[in-house]
Protein backbone atom coordinates (compact mmCIF):
# COMPACT_ATOMS: atom_id res chain seq x y z
CA UNK A 1 0.09 -0.01 0.02
CA UNK A 2 1.71 3.23 -1.21
CA UNK A 3 1.48 6.24 1.29
CA UNK A 4 1.32 3.89 4.50
CA UNK A 5 4.13 3.79 6.78
CA UNK A 6 4.80 1.35 9.80
CA UNK A 7 3.81 2.96 13.07
CA UNK A 8 7.42 2.88 14.31
CA UNK A 9 8.51 5.12 11.32
CA UNK A 10 5.47 7.48 11.68
CA UNK A 11 7.07 8.70 14.98
CA UNK A 12 10.38 9.18 13.33
CA UNK A 13 8.80 11.11 10.42
CA UNK A 14 7.03 13.37 12.96
CA UNK A 15 10.42 14.15 14.40
CA UNK A 16 12.01 14.78 11.06
CA UNK A 17 9.37 17.37 10.71
CA UNK A 18 9.63 19.07 13.93
CA UNK A 19 13.43 18.85 15.07
CA UNK A 20 15.51 21.87 14.81
CA UNK A 21 17.72 21.81 11.91
CA UNK A 22 20.74 21.45 13.98
CA UNK A 23 19.55 17.88 15.26
CA UNK A 24 18.69 16.68 11.72
CA UNK A 25 22.50 15.46 11.07
CA UNK A 26 22.30 13.22 14.27
CA UNK A 27 18.87 11.86 13.24
CA UNK A 28 20.16 11.08 9.65
CA UNK A 29 23.21 9.16 11.09
CA UNK A 30 20.83 7.24 13.38
CA UNK A 31 18.63 6.41 10.34
CA UNK A 32 21.71 5.29 8.36
CA UNK A 33 22.66 3.15 11.22
CA UNK A 34 19.13 1.53 10.91
CA UNK A 35 19.27 1.04 7.32
CA UNK A 36 22.83 -0.44 7.35
CA UNK A 37 21.54 -2.98 9.96
CA UNK A 38 18.45 -3.96 8.11
CA UNK A 39 20.79 -4.43 4.94
CA UNK A 40 23.28 -6.47 6.68
CA UNK A 41 20.29 -8.70 7.89
CA UNK A 42 19.22 -9.12 4.33
CA UNK A 43 22.52 -10.00 2.77
CA UNK A 44 24.04 -12.33 5.72
CA UNK A 45 22.83 -15.86 5.24
CA UNK A 46 21.12 -16.99 8.24
CA UNK A 47 23.08 -19.45 10.42
CA UNK A 48 21.84 -22.91 9.91
CA UNK A 49 20.05 -24.24 13.00
CA UNK A 50 21.56 -27.35 14.11
CA UNK A 51 19.41 -29.98 15.39
CA UNK A 52 18.64 -30.63 19.23
CA UNK A 53 20.17 -33.36 20.82
CA UNK A 54 19.04 -35.08 24.11
CA UNK A 55 22.05 -35.69 26.34
CA UNK A 56 22.59 -38.02 29.10
CA UNK A 57 23.47 -36.52 32.47
CA UNK A 58 27.14 -37.32 31.99
CA UNK A 59 27.30 -35.44 28.95
CA UNK A 60 25.20 -32.47 30.19
CA UNK A 61 27.36 -32.44 33.48
CA UNK A 62 30.57 -32.37 31.12
CA UNK A 63 29.09 -29.38 28.90
CA UNK A 64 28.26 -27.44 31.87
CA UNK A 65 31.02 -28.11 34.22
CA UNK A 66 28.87 -29.55 36.89
CA UNK A 67 28.73 -32.82 38.71
CA UNK A 68 26.35 -35.57 37.90
CA UNK A 69 24.93 -35.44 41.28
CA UNK A 70 24.30 -31.77 40.99
CA UNK A 71 22.22 -32.34 37.89
CA UNK A 72 20.23 -34.98 39.53
CA UNK A 73 19.51 -32.90 42.49
CA UNK A 74 18.77 -29.87 40.86
CA UNK A 75 17.12 -31.08 37.36
CA UNK A 76 13.62 -29.64 38.29
CA UNK A 77 15.02 -26.19 38.49
CA UNK A 78 16.78 -26.01 35.05
CA UNK A 79 14.84 -25.26 31.96
CA UNK A 80 16.77 -27.62 29.70
CA UNK A 81 15.75 -30.87 31.34
CA UNK A 82 13.57 -33.50 29.82
CA UNK A 83 12.14 -36.31 31.37
CA UNK A 84 11.96 -39.51 29.50
CA UNK A 85 10.37 -42.19 31.36
CA UNK A 86 12.28 -42.65 34.44
CA UNK A 87 15.56 -41.06 33.02
CA UNK A 88 16.76 -37.55 32.62
CA UNK A 89 17.77 -36.04 29.47
CA UNK A 90 19.23 -32.55 28.79
CA UNK A 91 18.50 -30.48 25.53
CA UNK A 92 21.70 -29.56 24.04
CA UNK A 93 20.35 -26.12 22.60
CA UNK A 94 18.80 -25.47 25.85
CA UNK A 95 22.13 -25.75 27.46
CA UNK A 96 23.51 -23.46 24.93
CA UNK A 97 20.98 -20.95 25.39
CA UNK A 98 21.34 -21.27 29.28
CA UNK A 99 24.88 -20.55 29.20
CA UNK A 100 24.39 -17.63 26.85
CA UNK A 101 21.56 -15.95 29.01
CA UNK A 102 22.98 -16.68 32.33
CA UNK A 103 27.01 -16.67 31.53
CA UNK A 104 27.03 -19.75 33.68
CA UNK A 105 30.76 -20.92 33.00
CA UNK A 106 31.95 -22.77 36.11
CA UNK A 107 35.60 -23.15 36.81
CA UNK A 108 35.30 -26.80 35.46
CA UNK A 109 33.44 -25.72 32.42
CA UNK A 110 36.03 -22.93 31.84
CA UNK A 111 39.03 -25.42 32.41
CA UNK A 112 37.23 -27.88 29.78
CA UNK A 113 37.06 -25.27 27.32
CA UNK A 114 40.90 -24.06 27.84
CA UNK A 115 42.12 -27.49 27.50
CA UNK A 116 40.13 -28.64 24.47
CA UNK A 117 41.50 -25.48 22.45
CA UNK A 118 44.17 -26.69 20.32
């Protein structure tokens, strides 16, 4: 539909009309930053999403740098835990997201990463 503009941009349009002339260069710079960000997203291929794997408690403990006992005791508080019948499994993507979100790198995890770097 020509002539219609996103609500978010209508606010910017009103600002462009009402801002003092001295503020317009800054507004133009901010608009250019938005334009470049949108172009970069369009031209950068999306990273392929790897499939989620359900890890055993031993593998999850190793990735998190935690003990197996800790995971068994605290599994109900962890958002990446999956119960499969009587056994526990842990979502690998969920663990990655948890580490990103919380920055949860324990000393054991940090040491495992450092020793695995060639």
